[in-house]
PDB file of N, CA and C in Angstrom:
ATOM      1  N   MET A   1       5.364   3.045  17.699  1.00  0.00           N
ATOM      2  CA  MET A   1       4.864   2.936  16.581  1.00  0.00           C
ATOM      3  C   MET A   1       5.704   4.152  16.280  1.00  0.00           C
ATOM      4  N   ASN A   2       6.479   4.395  15.184  1.00  0.00           N
ATOM      5  CA  ASN A   2       7.339   5.239  14.111  1.00  0.00           C
ATOM      6  C   ASN A   2       6.663   6.219  13.311  1.00  0.00           C
ATOM      7  N   THR A   3       6.112   7.497  14.065  1.00  0.00           N
ATOM      8  CA  THR A   3       5.247   7.927  13.139  1.00  0.00           C
ATOM      9  C   THR A   3       6.026   9.295  11.755  1.00  0.00           C
ATOM     10  N   ARG A   4       7.434   8.700  12.325  1.00  0.00           N
ATOM     11  CA  ARG A   4       8.710   9.655  10.914  1.00  0.00           C
ATOM     12  C   ARG A   4       7.799   8.930   9.536  1.00  0.00           C
ATOM     13  N   VAL A   5       7.009   8.171   9.622  1.00  0.00           N
ATOM     14  CA  VAL A   5       7.072   6.890   7.981  1.00  0.00           C
ATOM     15  C   VAL A   5       5.659   8.022   7.263  1.00  0.00           C
ATOM     16  N   TYR A   6       5.194   8.877   8.584  1.00  0.00           N
ATOM     17  CA  TYR A   6       3.731   9.587   7.532  1.00  0.00           C
ATOM     18  C   TYR A   6       4.105  10.656   7.157  1.00  0.00           C
ATOM     19  N   LYS A   7       5.721  10.924   7.457  1.00  0.00           N
ATOM     20  CA  LYS A   7       6.232  12.404   6.332  1.00  0.00           C
ATOM     21  C   LYS A   7       7.035  12.346   5.250  1.00  0.00           C
ATOM     22  N   MET A   8       7.256  10.710   5.618  1.00  0.00           N
ATOM     23  CA  MET A   8       8.083  10.606   3.613  1.00  0.00           C
ATOM     24  C   MET A   8       7.034  10.560   3.106  1.00  0.00           C
ATOM     25  N   SER A   9       8.112  10.633   1.673  1.00  0.00           N
ATOM     26  CA  SER A   9       7.194  10.800   0.328  1.00  0.00           C
ATOM     27  C   SER A   9       6.822   9.603  -0.050  1.00  0.00           C
ATOM     28  N   PHE A  10       5.895   9.522  -0.387  1.00  0.00           N
ATOM     29  CA  PHE A  10       5.125   7.962  -1.471  1.00  0.00           C
ATOM     30  C   PHE A  10       5.927   8.163  -2.654  1.00  0.00           C
ATOM     31  N   ALA A  11       6.802   9.167  -2.969  1.00  0.00           N
ATOM     32  CA  ALA A  11       7.600   8.913  -4.068  1.00  0.00           C
ATOM     33  C   ALA A  11       8.608   8.276  -3.847  1.00  0.00           C
ATOM     34  N   GLY A  12       9.385   8.739  -3.042  1.00  0.00           N
ATOM     35  CA  GLY A  12      10.427   7.655  -2.211  1.00  0.00           C
ATOM     36  C   GLY A  12      10.472   6.359  -1.530  1.00  0.00           C
ATOM     37  N   VAL A  13       9.191   5.952  -1.927  1.00  0.00           N
ATOM     38  CA  VAL A  13       8.831   4.678  -1.392  1.00  0.00           C
ATOM     39  C   VAL A  13       8.398   3.547  -2.386  1.00  0.00           C
ATOM     40  N   TYR A  14       8.006   4.191  -3.332  1.00  0.00           N
ATOM     41  CA  TYR A  14       7.565   3.582  -4.049  1.00  0.00           C
ATOM     42  C   TYR A  14       8.164   2.676  -4.756  1.00  0.00           C
ATOM     43  N   PRO A  15       8.687   3.240  -5.534  1.00  0.00           N
ATOM     44  CA  PRO A  15      10.405   1.979  -6.232  1.00  0.00           C
ATOM     45  C   PRO A  15      10.576   0.958  -5.415  1.00  0.00           C
ATOM     46  N   HIS A  16      10.503   1.560  -4.130  1.00  0.00           N
ATOM     47  CA  HIS A  16      10.378  -0.022  -3.443  1.00  0.00           C
ATOM     48  C   HIS A  16       9.972  -1.281  -3.539  1.00  0.00           C
ATOM     49  N   TYR A  17       8.186  -0.832  -3.444  1.00  0.00           N
ATOM     50  CA  TYR A  17       7.542  -1.616  -3.429  1.00  0.00           C
ATOM     51  C   TYR A  17       7.493  -2.350  -5.011  1.00  0.00           C
ATOM     52  N   ILE A  18       8.084  -1.828  -5.744  1.00  0.00           N
ATOM     53  CA  ILE A  18       7.981  -2.275  -7.182  1.00  0.00           C
ATOM     54  C   ILE A  18       9.352  -2.794  -7.511  1.00  0.00           C
ATOM     55  N   GLN A  19      10.529  -2.420  -7.016  1.00  0.00           N
ATOM     56  CA  GLN A  19      11.682  -3.357  -6.595  1.00  0.00           C
ATOM     57  C   GLN A  19      11.517  -4.737  -5.856  1.00  0.00           C
ATOM     58  N   LYS A  20      10.907  -4.685  -4.791  1.00  0.00           N
ATOM     59  CA  LYS A  20      10.282  -5.783  -4.059  1.00  0.00           C
ATOM     60  C   LYS A  20       9.750  -7.011  -4.838  1.00  0.00           C
ATOM     61  N   ALA A  21       8.628  -6.599  -5.556  1.00  0.00           N
ATOM     62  CA  ALA A  21       7.673  -7.390  -6.452  1.00  0.00           C
ATOM     63  C   ALA A  21       8.550  -7.505  -7.734  1.00  0.00           C
ATOM     64  N   GLU A  22       9.305  -7.006  -8.304  1.00  0.00           N
ATOM     65  CA  GLU A  22       9.955  -7.439  -9.457  1.00  0.00           C
ATOM     66  C   GLU A  22      11.039  -8.386  -8.929  1.00  0.00           C
ATOM     67  N   LYS A  23      11.463  -8.655  -8.177  1.00  0.00           N
ATOM     68  CA  LYS A  23      12.791  -9.089  -7.843  1.00  0.00           C
ATOM     69  C   LYS A  23      12.002 -10.782  -7.419  1.00  0.00           C
ATOM     70  N   LYS A  24      10.615 -10.658  -7.023  1.00  0.00           N
ATOM     71  CA  LYS A  24       9.948 -12.267  -7.398  1.00  0.00           C
ATOM     72  C   LYS A  24       9.124 -12.518  -8.477  1.00  0.00           C
ATOM     73  N   GLY A  25       9.675 -11.708  -9.050  1.00  0.00           N
ATOM     74  CA  GLY A  25       8.760 -11.906 -11.111  1.00  0.00           C
ATOM     75  C   GLY A  25       7.193 -11.109 -10.972  1.00  0.00           C
ATOM     76  N   ARG A  26       7.041 -10.712 -10.430  1.00  0.00           N
ATOM     77  CA  ARG A  26       5.493  -9.878  -9.980  1.00  0.00           C
ATOM     78  C   ARG A  26       6.198  -8.654 -10.648  1.00  0.00           C
ATOM     79  N   THR A  27       5.009  -7.506 -11.025  1.00  0.00           N
ATOM     80  CA  THR A  27       4.803  -6.124 -12.296  1.00  0.00           C
ATOM     81  C   THR A  27       4.910  -5.016 -11.627  1.00  0.00           C
ATOM     82  N   LYS A  28       5.284  -4.010 -12.149  1.00  0.00           N
ATOM     83  CA  LYS A  28       4.855  -2.978 -11.221  1.00  0.00           C
ATOM     84  C   LYS A  28       3.491  -2.719 -12.026  1.00  0.00           C
ATOM     85  N   ALA A  29       2.710  -3.174 -12.721  1.00  0.00           N
ATOM     86  CA  ALA A  29       1.533  -3.300 -13.207  1.00  0.00           C
ATOM     87  C   ALA A  29       0.224  -3.629 -12.186  1.00  0.00           C
ATOM     88  N   GLU A  30       0.993  -4.656 -11.175  1.00  0.00           N
ATOM     89  CA  GLU A  30       0.034  -5.648 -10.230  1.00  0.00           C
ATOM     90  C   GLU A  30       0.173  -4.568  -8.665  1.00  0.00           C
ATOM     91  N   VAL A  31       1.567  -3.920  -8.693  1.00  0.00           N
ATOM     92  CA  VAL A  31       2.239  -3.282  -7.310  1.00  0.00           C
ATOM     93  C   VAL A  31       0.802  -1.760  -7.731  1.00  0.00           C
ATOM     94  N   ASP A  32       0.662  -1.091  -8.974  1.00  0.00           N
ATOM     95  CA  ASP A  32      -0.503  -0.202  -8.882  1.00  0.00           C
ATOM     96  C   ASP A  32      -1.851  -0.606  -8.724  1.00  0.00           C
ATOM     97  N   GLU A  33      -2.091  -2.061  -9.080  1.00  0.00           N
ATOM     98  CA  GLU A  33      -3.526  -2.489  -9.101  1.00  0.00           C
ATOM     99  C   GLU A  33      -3.722  -2.448  -7.583  1.00  0.00           C
ATOM    100  N   ILE A  34      -2.648  -2.724  -6.789  1.00  0.00           N
ATOM    101  CA  ILE A  34      -2.917  -3.284  -5.784  1.00  0.00           C
ATOM    102  C   ILE A  34      -3.376  -1.763  -4.873  1.00  0.00           C
ATOM    103  N   ILE A  35      -2.325  -0.869  -5.157  1.00  0.00           N
ATOM    104  CA  ILE A  35      -2.594   0.672  -4.804  1.00  0.00           C
ATOM    105  C   ILE A  35      -4.098   1.427  -4.986  1.00  0.00           C
ATOM    106  N   PHE A  36      -4.551   0.908  -6.663  1.00  0.00           N
ATOM    107  CA  PHE A  36      -5.808   1.711  -6.822  1.00  0.00           C
ATOM    108  C   PHE A  36      -6.884   0.961  -6.215  1.00  0.00           C
ATOM    109  N   TRP A  37      -6.473  -0.635  -5.806  1.00  0.00           N
ATOM    110  CA  TRP A  37      -7.367  -1.080  -5.051  1.00  0.00           C
ATOM    111  C   TRP A  37      -7.447  -0.617  -3.624  1.00  0.00           C
ATOM    112  N   LEU A  38      -6.377  -0.412  -3.318  1.00  0.00           N
ATOM    113  CA  LEU A  38      -6.452   0.168  -1.570  1.00  0.00           C
ATOM    114  C   LEU A  38      -7.455   1.425  -1.993  1.00  0.00           C
ATOM    115  N   THR A  39      -6.394   2.306  -2.536  1.00  0.00           N
ATOM    116  CA  THR A  39      -6.576   3.984  -2.242  1.00  0.00           C
ATOM    117  C   THR A  39      -7.660   4.424  -2.898  1.00  0.00           C
ATOM    118  N   GLY A  40      -8.242   3.852  -4.438  1.00  0.00           N
ATOM    119  CA  GLY A  40      -8.821   4.415  -5.244  1.00  0.00           C
ATOM    120  C   GLY A  40      -8.444   5.248  -6.365  1.00  0.00           C
ATOM    121  N   TYR A  41      -7.167   5.615  -5.648  1.00  0.00           N
ATOM    122  CA  TYR A  41      -6.377   6.508  -7.035  1.00  0.00           C
ATOM    123  C   TYR A  41      -6.621   5.718  -8.202  1.00  0.00           C
ATOM    124  N   ASP A  42      -6.195   6.484  -9.208  1.00  0.00           N
ATOM    125  CA  ASP A  42      -6.263   6.185 -10.810  1.00  0.00           C
ATOM    126  C   ASP A  42      -4.785   6.129 -11.225  1.00  0.00           C
ATOM    127  N   GLU A  43      -4.167   6.107 -12.212  1.00  0.00           N
ATOM    128  CA  GLU A  43      -2.651   6.200 -13.142  1.00  0.00           C
ATOM    129  C   GLU A  43      -2.403   7.436 -13.148  1.00  0.00           C
ATOM    130  N   GLN A  44      -3.388   8.488 -13.206  1.00  0.00           N
ATOM    131  CA  GLN A  44      -3.120   9.878 -13.609  1.00  0.00           C
ATOM    132  C   GLN A  44      -2.305  10.497 -12.184  1.00  0.00           C
ATOM    133  N   ALA A  45      -3.435   9.677 -11.408  1.00  0.00           N
ATOM    134  CA  ALA A  45      -3.660  10.440  -9.698  1.00  0.00           C
ATOM    135  C   ALA A  45      -2.250   9.897  -9.310  1.00  0.00           C
ATOM    136  N   LEU A  46      -2.025   8.607  -9.350  1.00  0.00           N
ATOM    137  CA  LEU A  46      -0.850   7.894  -8.610  1.00  0.00           C
ATOM    138  C   LEU A  46       0.446   8.428  -9.167  1.00  0.00           C
ATOM    139  N   GLN A  47       0.505   9.489 -10.616  1.00  0.00           N
ATOM    140  CA  GLN A  47       1.613   9.969 -11.176  1.00  0.00           C
ATOM    141  C   GLN A  47       1.633  11.433 -10.889  1.00  0.00           C
ATOM    142  N   HIS A  48       0.535  12.358 -10.255  1.00  0.00           N
ATOM    143  CA  HIS A  48       0.230  13.272 -10.164  1.00  0.00           C
ATOM    144  C   HIS A  48       1.458  13.453  -7.797  1.00  0.00           C
ATOM    145  N   ILE A  49       0.695  12.162  -7.370  1.00  0.00           N
ATOM    146  CA  ILE A  49       1.192  11.665  -6.365  1.00  0.00           C
ATOM    147  C   ILE A  49       2.845  12.012  -5.820  1.00  0.00           C
ATOM    148  N   ILE A  50       3.464  10.820  -7.142  1.00  0.00           N
ATOM    149  CA  ILE A  50       4.699  10.988  -7.481  1.00  0.00           C
ATOM    150  C   ILE A  50       5.511  11.995  -7.936  1.00  0.00           C
ATOM    151  N   ASP A  51       4.368  12.948  -8.937  1.00  0.00           N
ATOM    152  CA  ASP A  51       5.762  14.141  -9.534  1.00  0.00           C
ATOM    153  C   ASP A  51       5.697  14.939  -8.100  1.00  0.00           C
ATOM    154  N   LYS A  52       4.550  15.135  -7.032  1.00  0.00           N
ATOM    155  CA  LYS A  52       4.466  16.040  -6.572  1.00  0.00           C
ATOM    156  C   LYS A  52       5.494  15.851  -4.788  1.00  0.00           C
ATOM    157  N   LYS A  53       5.401  14.830  -4.647  1.00  0.00           N
ATOM    158  CA  LYS A  53       6.340  13.640  -4.023  1.00  0.00           C
ATOM    159  C   LYS A  53       5.710  13.871  -2.687  1.00  0.00           C
ATOM    160  N   THR A  54       4.592  13.858  -2.327  1.00  0.00           N
ATOM    161  CA  THR A  54       3.187  13.654  -1.648  1.00  0.00           C
ATOM    162  C   THR A  54       3.845  12.753  -0.531  1.00  0.00           C
ATOM    163  N   ASP A  55       3.509  13.280   0.799  1.00  0.00           N
ATOM    164  CA  ASP A  55       3.840  12.887   2.003  1.00  0.00           C
ATOM    165  C   ASP A  55       3.123  10.986   2.084  1.00  0.00           C
ATOM    166  N   PHE A  56       3.456  10.200   2.643  1.00  0.00           N
ATOM    167  CA  PHE A  56       2.245   9.289   3.168  1.00  0.00           C
ATOM    168  C   PHE A  56       0.716   9.684   3.852  1.00  0.00           C
ATOM    169  N   GLU A  57       1.031  10.654   4.677  1.00  0.00           N
ATOM    170  CA  GLU A  57      -0.281  11.241   5.526  1.00  0.00           C
ATOM    171  C   GLU A  57      -1.343  11.767   4.744  1.00  0.00           C
ATOM    172  N   THR A  58      -0.711  12.892   3.482  1.00  0.00           N
ATOM    173  CA  THR A  58      -1.734  13.462   2.843  1.00  0.00           C
ATOM    174  C   THR A  58      -1.887  12.253   1.230  1.00  0.00           C
ATOM    175  N   PHE A  59      -1.029  10.965   1.441  1.00  0.00           N
ATOM    176  CA  PHE A  59      -1.668   9.919   0.253  1.00  0.00           C
ATOM    177  C   PHE A  59      -2.746   9.607   0.664  1.00  0.00           C
ATOM    178  N   PHE A  60      -2.862   9.064   2.173  1.00  0.00           N
ATOM    179  CA  PHE A  60      -4.002   8.128   2.460  1.00  0.00           C
ATOM    180  C   PHE A  60      -5.052   9.330   3.060  1.00  0.00           C
ATOM    181  N   ALA A  61      -4.906  10.807   3.065  1.00  0.00           N
ATOM    182  CA  ALA A  61      -6.220  11.330   3.841  1.00  0.00           C
ATOM    183  C   ALA A  61      -6.676  12.096   2.680  1.00  0.00           C
ATOM    184  N   GLU A  62      -5.757  12.219   1.281  1.00  0.00           N
ATOM    185  CA  GLU A  62      -6.485  12.462   0.672  1.00  0.00           C
ATOM    186  C   GLU A  62      -6.879  11.235  -0.786  1.00  0.00           C
ATOM    187  N   ALA A  63      -6.888   9.799  -0.667  1.00  0.00           N
ATOM    188  CA  ALA A  63      -7.516   8.699  -1.388  1.00  0.00           C
ATOM    189  C   ALA A  63      -8.952   8.951  -1.429  1.00  0.00           C
ATOM    190  N   PRO A  64      -9.253   8.531  -2.618  1.00  0.00           N
ATOM    191  CA  PRO A  64     -10.301   8.814  -3.180  1.00  0.00           C
ATOM    192  C   PRO A  64     -11.648   7.882  -2.286  1.00  0.00           C
ATOM    193  N   GLN A  65     -10.827   6.404  -1.773  1.00  0.00           N
ATOM    194  CA  GLN A  65     -12.213   5.664  -1.281  1.00  0.00           C
ATOM    195  C   GLN A  65     -11.186   4.630  -0.758  1.00  0.00           C
ATOM    196  N   ILE A  66     -10.658   4.470   0.379  1.00  0.00           N
ATOM    197  CA  ILE A  66     -10.277   3.671   1.246  1.00  0.00           C
ATOM    198  C   ILE A  66     -11.034   2.446   0.468  1.00  0.00           C
ATOM    199  N   ASN A  67     -10.314   1.203  -0.116  1.00  0.00           N
ATOM    200  CA  ASN A  67     -11.776  -0.089  -0.237  1.00  0.00           C
ATOM    201  C   ASN A  67     -12.214  -0.761   1.454  1.00  0.00           C
ATOM    202  N   PRO A  68     -13.470  -0.782   1.335  1.00  0.00           N
ATOM    203  CA  PRO A  68     -14.201  -1.247   2.361  1.00  0.00           C
ATOM    204  C   PRO A  68     -13.534  -2.903   2.778  1.00  0.00           C
ATOM    205  N   ASN A  69     -12.775  -3.308   1.876  1.00  0.00           N
ATOM    206  CA  ASN A  69     -12.931  -4.369   2.684  1.00  0.00           C
ATOM    207  C   ASN A  69     -11.568  -4.491   2.873  1.00  0.00           C
ATOM    208  N   VAL A  70     -10.563  -3.351   3.659  1.00  0.00           N
ATOM    209  CA  VAL A  70      -9.387  -3.559   4.056  1.00  0.00           C
ATOM    210  C   VAL A  70      -9.870  -4.273   5.293  1.00  0.00           C
ATOM    211  N   LYS A  71     -10.804  -4.157   5.648  1.00  0.00           N
ATOM    212  CA  LYS A  71     -11.138  -5.300   6.995  1.00  0.00           C
ATOM    213  C   LYS A  71     -10.495  -6.484   6.823  1.00  0.00           C
ATOM    214  N   LYS A  72     -10.474  -7.245   5.680  1.00  0.00           N
ATOM    215  CA  LYS A  72     -10.321  -8.404   5.548  1.00  0.00           C
ATOM    216  C   LYS A  72      -8.692  -8.439   5.342  1.00  0.00           C
ATOM    217  N   ILE A  73      -8.260  -7.695   5.649  1.00  0.00           N
ATOM    218  CA  ILE A  73      -6.709  -7.925   5.496  1.00  0.00           C
ATOM    219  C   ILE A  73      -6.480  -7.839   7.080  1.00  0.00           C
ATOM    220  N   THR A  74      -5.616  -9.207   7.277  1.00  0.00           N
ATOM    221  CA  THR A  74      -5.176  -9.712   8.380  1.00  0.00           C
ATOM    222  C   THR A  74      -3.747 -10.281   8.844  1.00  0.00           C
ATOM    223  N   GLY A  75      -3.174 -10.540   9.872  1.00  0.00           N
ATOM    224  CA  GLY A  75      -1.806 -10.720   9.430  1.00  0.00           C
ATOM    225  C   GLY A  75      -0.675 -10.116   9.780  1.00  0.00           C
ATOM    226  N   VAL A  76       0.294 -10.162  10.128  1.00  0.00           N
ATOM    227  CA  VAL A  76       1.662  -9.500  10.764  1.00  0.00           C
ATOM    228  C   VAL A  76       2.683  -9.372   9.707  1.00  0.00           C
ATOM    229  N   ILE A  77       2.500  -7.704   9.745  1.00  0.00           N
ATOM    230  CA  ILE A  77       3.871  -7.100   8.971  1.00  0.00           C
ATOM    231  C   ILE A  77       4.326  -6.544  10.162  1.00  0.00           C
ATOM    232  N   CYS A  78       5.909  -6.141   9.853  1.00  0.00           N
ATOM    233  CA  CYS A  78       6.518  -5.764  10.118  1.00  0.00           C
ATOM    234  C   CYS A  78       6.599  -5.752  11.729  1.00  0.00           C
ATOM    235  N   GLY A  79       5.989  -6.751  12.362  1.00  0.00           N
ATOM    236  CA  GLY A  79       6.131  -7.231  13.924  1.00  0.00           C
ATOM    237  C   GLY A  79       4.770  -7.116  14.445  1.00  0.00           C
ATOM    238  N   TYR A  80       3.747  -6.532  13.843  1.00  0.00           N
ATOM    239  CA  TYR A  80       2.337  -5.831  14.414  1.00  0.00           C
ATOM    240  C   TYR A  80       1.370  -6.717  13.763  1.00  0.00           C
ATOM    241  N   ARG A  81       0.153  -7.188  14.235  1.00  0.00           N
ATOM    242  CA  ARG A  81      -0.975  -7.875  13.180  1.00  0.00           C
ATOM    243  C   ARG A  81      -2.069  -6.223  13.220  1.00  0.00           C
ATOM    244  N   VAL A  82      -1.704  -6.591  11.955  1.00  0.00           N
ATOM    245  CA  VAL A  82      -2.514  -5.168  11.112  1.00  0.00           C
ATOM    246  C   VAL A  82      -4.159  -5.219  11.384  1.00  0.00           C
ATOM    247  N   GLU A  83      -4.593  -6.041  11.652  1.00  0.00           N
ATOM    248  CA  GLU A  83      -5.754  -5.881  12.548  1.00  0.00           C
ATOM    249  C   GLU A  83      -6.081  -5.084  13.715  1.00  0.00           C
ATOM    250  N   GLU A  84      -4.996  -4.650  13.963  1.00  0.00           N
ATOM    251  CA  GLU A  84      -4.856  -4.253  15.905  1.00  0.00           C
ATOM    252  C   GLU A  84      -4.208  -2.732  15.649  1.00  0.00           C
ATOM    253  N   ILE A  85      -3.828  -2.631  15.064  1.00  0.00           N
ATOM    254  CA  ILE A  85      -3.152  -1.344  14.974  1.00  0.00           C
ATOM    255  C   ILE A  85      -3.693  -0.505  15.067  1.00  0.00           C
ATOM    256  N   GLU A  86      -3.716   0.220  16.110  1.00  0.00           N
ATOM    257  CA  GLU A  86      -4.867   1.897  16.405  1.00  0.00           C
ATOM    258  C   GLU A  86      -5.259   2.960  15.360  1.00  0.00           C
ATOM    259  N   ASP A  87      -3.622   3.281  15.058  1.00  0.00           N
ATOM    260  CA  ASP A  87      -3.532   4.308  14.616  1.00  0.00           C
ATOM    261  C   ASP A  87      -3.804   4.228  13.632  1.00  0.00           C
ATOM    262  N   LYS A  88      -4.900   4.522  13.083  1.00  0.00           N
ATOM    263  CA  LYS A  88      -5.504   4.235  11.705  1.00  0.00           C
ATOM    264  C   LYS A  88      -4.526   4.221  10.150  1.00  0.00           C
ATOM    265  N   LEU A  89      -3.993   5.828  10.153  1.00  0.00           N
ATOM    266  CA  LEU A  89      -2.615   6.419   9.303  1.00  0.00           C
ATOM    267  C   LEU A  89      -1.907   4.776   9.059  1.00  0.00           C
ATOM    268  N   MET A  90      -0.958   5.032  10.797  1.00  0.00           N
ATOM    269  CA  MET A  90      -0.641   3.549  10.446  1.00  0.00           C
ATOM    270  C   MET A  90      -1.028   2.346   9.832  1.00  0.00           C
ATOM    271  N   GLN A  91      -1.981   2.149  10.427  1.00  0.00           N
ATOM    272  CA  GLN A  91      -3.018   0.427   9.894  1.00  0.00           C
ATOM    273  C   GLN A  91      -2.713   0.897   8.230  1.00  0.00           C
ATOM    274  N   GLN A  92      -3.924   1.769   8.109  1.00  0.00           N
ATOM    275  CA  GLN A  92      -3.456   2.230   6.429  1.00  0.00           C
ATOM    276  C   GLN A  92      -2.133   1.794   5.686  1.00  0.00           C
ATOM    277  N   ILE A  93      -0.835   2.262   6.288  1.00  0.00           N
ATOM    278  CA  ILE A  93       0.289   2.026   5.707  1.00  0.00           C
ATOM    279  C   ILE A  93       0.740   1.168   5.970  1.00  0.00           C
ATOM    280  N   ARG A  94       0.548  -0.100   6.837  1.00  0.00           N
ATOM    281  CA  ARG A  94       0.528  -1.108   6.710  1.00  0.00           C
ATOM    282  C   ARG A  94      -0.409  -2.480   6.041  1.00  0.00           C
ATOM    283  N   TYR A  95      -1.283  -1.709   6.235  1.00  0.00           N
ATOM    284  CA  TYR A  95      -2.273  -2.607   4.744  1.00  0.00           C
ATOM    285  C   TYR A  95      -1.165  -3.078   3.697  1.00  0.00           C
ATOM    286  N   LEU A  96      -0.788  -1.128   3.218  1.00  0.00           N
ATOM    287  CA  LEU A  96      -0.424  -1.427   1.982  1.00  0.00           C
ATOM    288  C   LEU A  96       1.116  -2.524   1.893  1.00  0.00           C
ATOM    289  N   ASP A  97       2.106  -2.202   2.756  1.00  0.00           N
ATOM    290  CA  ASP A  97       3.254  -2.926   3.154  1.00  0.00           C
ATOM    291  C   ASP A  97       2.346  -4.613   3.604  1.00  0.00           C
ATOM    292  N   LYS A  98       1.541  -5.273   3.724  1.00  0.00           N
ATOM    293  CA  LYS A  98       1.324  -6.364   3.791  1.00  0.00           C
ATOM    294  C   LYS A  98       0.797  -6.985   2.343  1.00  0.00           C
ATOM    295  N   LEU A  99      -0.038  -5.544   1.714  1.00  0.00           N
ATOM    296  CA  LEU A  99      -0.316  -6.089   0.361  1.00  0.00           C
ATOM    297  C   LEU A  99       1.036  -6.723  -0.650  1.00  0.00           C
ATOM    298  N   ILE A 100       1.836  -5.725  -1.019  1.00  0.00           N
ATOM    299  CA  ILE A 100       3.293  -5.798  -1.727  1.00  0.00           C
ATOM    300  C   ILE A 100       3.614  -6.771  -0.918  1.00  0.00           C
ATOM    301  N   ASP A 101       3.719  -7.401   0.459  1.00  0.00           N
ATOM    302  CA  ASP A 101       4.755  -8.410   0.840  1.00  0.00           C
ATOM    303  C   ASP A 101       4.413  -9.526   0.328  1.00  0.00           C
ATOM    304  N   GLU A 102       2.431  -9.963   0.027  1.00  0.00           N
ATOM    305  CA  GLU A 102       1.565 -10.772  -0.105  1.00  0.00           C
ATOM    306  C   GLU A 102       1.477 -10.791  -1.547  1.00  0.00           C
ATOM    307  N   LEU A 103       2.075 -10.322  -2.341  1.00  0.00           N
ATOM    308  CA  LEU A 103       2.563 -10.002  -4.184  1.00  0.00           C
ATOM    309  C   LEU A 103       3.816 -10.782  -4.013  1.00  0.00           C
ATOM    310  N   ALA A 104       4.821 -10.340  -3.737  1.00  0.00           N
ATOM    311  CA  ALA A 104       6.159 -10.501  -3.460  1.00  0.00           C
ATOM    312  C   ALA A 104       6.449 -12.193  -2.767  1.00  0.00           C
ATOM    313  N   LYS A 105       5.384 -12.430  -2.551  1.00  0.00           N
ATOM    314  CA  LYS A 105       5.420 -14.017  -1.849  1.00  0.00           C
ATOM    315  C   LYS A 105       4.507 -14.721  -2.645  1.00  0.00           C
ATOM    316  N   GLY A 106       4.339 -14.244  -4.227  1.00  0.00           N
ATOM    317  CA  GLY A 106       3.196 -15.263  -4.669  1.00  0.00           C
ATOM    318  C   GLY A 106       2.228 -15.963  -4.718  1.00  0.00           C
ATOM    319  N   LYS A 107       1.590 -14.689  -3.930  1.00  0.00           N
ATOM    320  CA  LYS A 107      -0.172 -14.985  -3.889  1.00  0.00           C
ATOM    321  C   LYS A 107      -0.559 -14.248  -5.128  1.00  0.00           C
ATOM    322  N   ALA A 108      -1.865 -15.324  -4.879  1.00  0.00           N
ATOM    323  CA  ALA A 108      -2.653 -15.026  -6.840  1.00  0.00           C
ATOM    324  C   ALA A 108      -3.346 -13.928  -6.753  1.00  0.00           C
ATOM    325  N   MET A 109      -3.595 -12.500  -7.613  1.00  0.00           N
ATOM    326  CA  MET A 109      -4.166 -11.338  -7.579  1.00  0.00           C
ATOM    327  C   MET A 109      -5.199 -11.389  -6.426  1.00  0.00           C
ATOM    328  N   GLU A 110      -6.554 -12.316  -7.332  1.00  0.00           N
ATOM    329  CA  GLU A 110      -7.652 -12.561  -5.984  1.00  0.00           C
ATOM    330  C   GLU A 110      -7.847 -12.153  -4.904  1.00  0.00           C
ATOM    331  N   LYS A 111      -6.456 -13.193  -4.557  1.00  0.00           N
ATOM    332  CA  LYS A 111      -6.728 -13.361  -2.829  1.00  0.00           C
ATOM    333  C   LYS A 111      -6.133 -11.954  -2.428  1.00  0.00           C
ATOM    334  N   ILE A 112      -5.039 -11.599  -2.977  1.00  0.00           N
ATOM    335  CA  ILE A 112      -4.425 -10.224  -2.254  1.00  0.00           C
ATOM    336  C   ILE A 112      -5.299  -9.166  -2.457  1.00  0.00           C
ATOM    337  N   LEU A 113      -6.392  -9.046  -3.480  1.00  0.00           N
ATOM    338  CA  LEU A 113      -7.086  -7.928  -3.422  1.00  0.00           C
ATOM    339  C   LEU A 113      -8.690  -8.631  -3.036  1.00  0.00           C
ATOM    340  N   ARG A 114      -8.841  -9.406  -2.126  1.00  0.00           N
ATOM    341  CA  ARG A 114      -9.831 -10.273  -0.831  1.00  0.00           C
ATOM    342  C   ARG A 114     -10.746 -10.073  -2.076  1.00  0.00           C
ATOM    343  N   LYS A 115     -11.133 -10.976  -3.098  1.00  0.00           N
ATOM    344  CA  LYS A 115     -12.575 -11.234  -3.777  1.00  0.00           C
ATOM    345  C   LYS A 115     -12.911 -12.206  -3.062  1.00  0.00           C
TER     346      LYS A 115
END
C-alpha cells in the first residue's frame, strides 16, 4: 500500500473528485454530500480543511463522525477490495474513492449513501 497519500493535501485531491463527477454530469454538491455523509463534516468545516490544506491523515483523524454504514461499502477500487483493506486510514480513503466512483458511474444518491 502506498502511504504517501496520507500526507497528500485533501485540498489537492478534492478538485479531482469534483472534476470526475462533473465530467459525468454530476455536481459538486453531490460530491460534498458524499463527503459529509462519510465523515460528518459540514460545509464550513470542509472549507476550513481546504483552506488549511489539511492532509488526508488529519482529514480522517479529525472527522466528526465516520458513518456507521461504511461497512456496507464493498467492491474493488484501485485493485483492492475495500472491505478487506486492513489499514484503517487507507480503507477510509478508498471508501471515499469508491463513493466518488459510484457517483461518476451514475449510481443513484440513495444507493451511494447506502440508504
